[in-house]
Amino acid sequence: MAGPLQSLRRAMGKHDAVHAAIIHPKVASPAPIRTVAPQVEALDVQEFLDALAVKTARQRKRREA
């Protein structure tokens, strides 16, 4: 799953930083593996939503400033 994301990042060229993630359901393992490939991480759904909310809040603050 990480291979296609890495290919997409390469195809995009040198643009703004891109955050690549594989989203999965929450698992009960005690130590989840976060990095699945270079520059690609695994996030459960809640982690993804939390990260998205933080990014959205930052962008909103920039627009208001």
N, C-alpha and C. Protein backbone atom coordinates (compact mmCIF):
# COMPACT_ATOMS: atom_id res chain seq x y z
N MET A 1 0.81 -1.20 0.00
CA MET A 1 0.00 0.00 0.00
C MET A 1 0.86 1.27 0.00
N ALA A 2 2.01 1.21 0.60
CA ALA A 2 2.85 2.40 0.66
C ALA A 2 3.51 2.70 -0.68
N GLY A 3 3.74 1.69 -1.49
CA GLY A 3 4.40 1.87 -2.78
C GLY A 3 3.69 2.87 -3.68
N PRO A 4 2.37 2.73 -3.89
CA PRO A 4 1.68 3.71 -4.72
C PRO A 4 1.74 5.13 -4.16
N LEU A 5 1.70 5.28 -2.85
CA LEU A 5 1.81 6.62 -2.25
C LEU A 5 3.18 7.22 -2.52
N GLN A 6 4.22 6.40 -2.42
CA GLN A 6 5.56 6.89 -2.71
C GLN A 6 5.69 7.30 -4.18
N SER A 7 5.09 6.53 -5.08
CA SER A 7 5.12 6.87 -6.51
C SER A 7 4.39 8.18 -6.76
N LEU A 8 3.27 8.37 -6.10
CA LEU A 8 2.51 9.61 -6.26
C LEU A 8 3.32 10.81 -5.78
N ARG A 9 4.00 10.66 -4.65
CA ARG A 9 4.84 11.75 -4.14
C ARG A 9 5.94 12.11 -5.14
N ARG A 10 6.57 11.09 -5.72
CA ARG A 10 7.63 11.35 -6.71
C ARG A 10 7.05 12.05 -7.95
N ALA A 11 5.87 11.62 -8.38
CA ALA A 11 5.25 12.20 -9.57
C ALA A 11 4.85 13.65 -9.36
N MET A 12 4.61 14.05 -8.13
CA MET A 12 4.20 15.41 -7.83
C MET A 12 5.36 16.40 -7.95
N GLY A 13 6.57 15.91 -7.96
CA GLY A 13 7.72 16.79 -8.07
C GLY A 13 8.02 17.49 -6.76
N LYS A 14 8.75 18.58 -6.85
CA LYS A 14 9.18 19.30 -5.64
C LYS A 14 8.22 20.44 -5.35
N HIS A 15 7.12 20.12 -4.74
CA HIS A 15 6.13 21.11 -4.32
C HIS A 15 6.17 21.23 -2.81
N ASP A 16 5.15 21.85 -2.26
CA ASP A 16 5.06 21.95 -0.80
C ASP A 16 5.13 20.56 -0.17
N ALA A 17 5.51 20.54 1.07
CA ALA A 17 5.60 19.27 1.79
C ALA A 17 4.25 18.55 1.75
N VAL A 18 4.30 17.28 1.46
CA VAL A 18 3.09 16.46 1.39
C VAL A 18 3.16 15.43 2.49
N HIS A 19 2.08 15.27 3.21
CA HIS A 19 2.00 14.28 4.28
C HIS A 19 1.28 13.06 3.72
N ALA A 20 1.97 11.94 3.61
CA ALA A 20 1.38 10.72 3.07
C ALA A 20 1.07 9.76 4.21
N ALA A 21 -0.16 9.26 4.22
CA ALA A 21 -0.56 8.35 5.30
C ALA A 21 -1.51 7.29 4.78
N ILE A 22 -1.41 6.13 5.37
CA ILE A 22 -2.36 5.06 5.13
C ILE A 22 -3.28 5.05 6.35
N ILE A 23 -4.59 5.15 6.10
CA ILE A 23 -5.57 5.22 7.18
C ILE A 23 -6.16 3.83 7.38
N HIS A 24 -6.24 3.41 8.64
CA HIS A 24 -6.72 2.06 8.96
C HIS A 24 -7.60 2.11 10.21
N PRO A 25 -8.42 1.08 10.44
CA PRO A 25 -9.20 1.02 11.67
C PRO A 25 -8.28 0.84 12.87
N LYS A 26 -8.73 1.26 14.03
CA LYS A 26 -7.92 1.12 15.24
C LYS A 26 -7.71 -0.37 15.54
N VAL A 27 -6.49 -0.72 15.94
CA VAL A 27 -6.17 -2.10 16.29
C VAL A 27 -5.81 -2.16 17.77
N ALA A 28 -5.88 -3.34 18.32
CA ALA A 28 -5.65 -3.50 19.75
C ALA A 28 -4.20 -3.82 20.10
N SER A 29 -3.30 -3.78 19.12
CA SER A 29 -1.91 -4.11 19.42
C SER A 29 -1.31 -3.07 20.36
N PRO A 30 -0.44 -3.48 21.26
CA PRO A 30 0.10 -2.56 22.25
C PRO A 30 1.07 -1.52 21.68
N ALA A 31 1.79 -1.84 20.61
CA ALA A 31 2.77 -0.91 20.05
C ALA A 31 2.55 -0.81 18.54
N PRO A 32 1.66 0.09 18.10
CA PRO A 32 1.41 0.19 16.66
C PRO A 32 2.64 0.69 15.91
N ILE A 33 2.80 0.22 14.70
CA ILE A 33 3.90 0.67 13.84
C ILE A 33 3.42 1.90 13.10
N ARG A 34 4.12 3.01 13.26
CA ARG A 34 3.69 4.27 12.65
C ARG A 34 4.24 4.45 11.24
N THR A 35 5.51 4.13 11.04
CA THR A 35 6.12 4.34 9.73
C THR A 35 6.10 3.03 8.96
N VAL A 36 5.46 3.05 7.79
CA VAL A 36 5.37 1.83 7.00
C VAL A 36 6.35 1.84 5.83
N ALA A 37 6.82 3.02 5.48
CA ALA A 37 7.81 3.20 4.41
C ALA A 37 8.38 4.60 4.58
N PRO A 38 9.51 4.89 3.93
CA PRO A 38 10.04 6.24 4.04
C PRO A 38 8.99 7.29 3.63
N GLN A 39 8.75 8.24 4.50
CA GLN A 39 7.82 9.34 4.29
C GLN A 39 6.36 8.92 4.15
N VAL A 40 6.02 7.72 4.62
CA VAL A 40 4.63 7.25 4.64
C VAL A 40 4.37 6.66 6.01
N GLU A 41 3.33 7.16 6.68
CA GLU A 41 3.02 6.62 8.00
C GLU A 41 1.62 6.05 8.04
N ALA A 42 1.37 5.23 9.03
CA ALA A 42 0.07 4.62 9.23
C ALA A 42 -0.64 5.34 10.38
N LEU A 43 -1.88 5.72 10.15
CA LEU A 43 -2.68 6.38 11.17
C LEU A 43 -4.02 5.66 11.29
N ASP A 44 -4.50 5.52 12.52
CA ASP A 44 -5.86 5.00 12.63
C ASP A 44 -6.81 6.15 12.34
N VAL A 45 -8.07 5.85 12.17
CA VAL A 45 -9.04 6.86 11.74
C VAL A 45 -9.05 8.06 12.69
N GLN A 46 -9.06 7.82 14.00
CA GLN A 46 -9.12 8.92 14.96
C GLN A 46 -7.87 9.79 14.89
N GLU A 47 -6.70 9.18 14.76
CA GLU A 47 -5.46 9.95 14.63
C GLU A 47 -5.50 10.83 13.38
N PHE A 48 -6.04 10.28 12.29
CA PHE A 48 -6.16 11.04 11.06
C PHE A 48 -7.08 12.24 11.24
N LEU A 49 -8.24 12.01 11.86
CA LEU A 49 -9.18 13.10 12.08
C LEU A 49 -8.59 14.17 13.00
N ASP A 50 -7.87 13.75 14.03
CA ASP A 50 -7.22 14.71 14.93
C ASP A 50 -6.18 15.54 14.19
N ALA A 51 -5.36 14.90 13.36
CA ALA A 51 -4.33 15.61 12.60
C ALA A 51 -4.98 16.58 11.60
N LEU A 52 -6.06 16.16 11.00
CA LEU A 52 -6.77 17.01 10.05
C LEU A 52 -7.36 18.23 10.75
N ALA A 53 -7.90 18.03 11.95
CA ALA A 53 -8.47 19.15 12.71
C ALA A 53 -7.40 20.16 13.09
N VAL A 54 -6.23 19.69 13.49
CA VAL A 54 -5.13 20.59 13.86
C VAL A 54 -4.69 21.40 12.64
N LYS A 55 -4.55 20.74 11.50
CA LYS A 55 -4.12 21.45 10.29
C LYS A 55 -5.17 22.48 9.88
N THR A 56 -6.43 22.13 9.94
CA THR A 56 -7.50 23.05 9.58
C THR A 56 -7.51 24.27 10.51
N ALA A 57 -7.30 24.05 11.80
CA ALA A 57 -7.27 25.16 12.76
C ALA A 57 -6.10 26.10 12.46
N ARG A 58 -4.94 25.54 12.11
CA ARG A 58 -3.78 26.37 11.78
C ARG A 58 -4.05 27.23 10.54
N GLN A 59 -4.66 26.61 9.54
CA GLN A 59 -4.96 27.36 8.31
C GLN A 59 -5.96 28.47 8.59
N ARG A 60 -6.93 28.21 9.43
CA ARG A 60 -7.94 29.21 9.77
C ARG A 60 -7.29 30.39 10.48
N LYS A 61 -6.35 30.11 11.40
CA LYS A 61 -5.66 31.17 12.12
C LYS A 61 -4.84 32.04 11.18
N ARG A 62 -4.19 31.41 10.20
CA ARG A 62 -3.39 32.17 9.22
C ARG A 62 -4.27 33.12 8.42
N ARG A 63 -5.45 32.65 8.01
CA ARG A 63 -6.34 33.49 7.23
C ARG A 63 -6.85 34.67 8.03
N GLU A 64 -7.06 34.46 9.32
CA GLU A 64 -7.59 35.52 10.18
C GLU A 64 -6.53 36.56 10.52
N ALA A 65 -5.27 36.18 10.44
CA ALA A 65 -4.18 37.11 10.81
C ALA A 65 -3.90 38.13 9.74
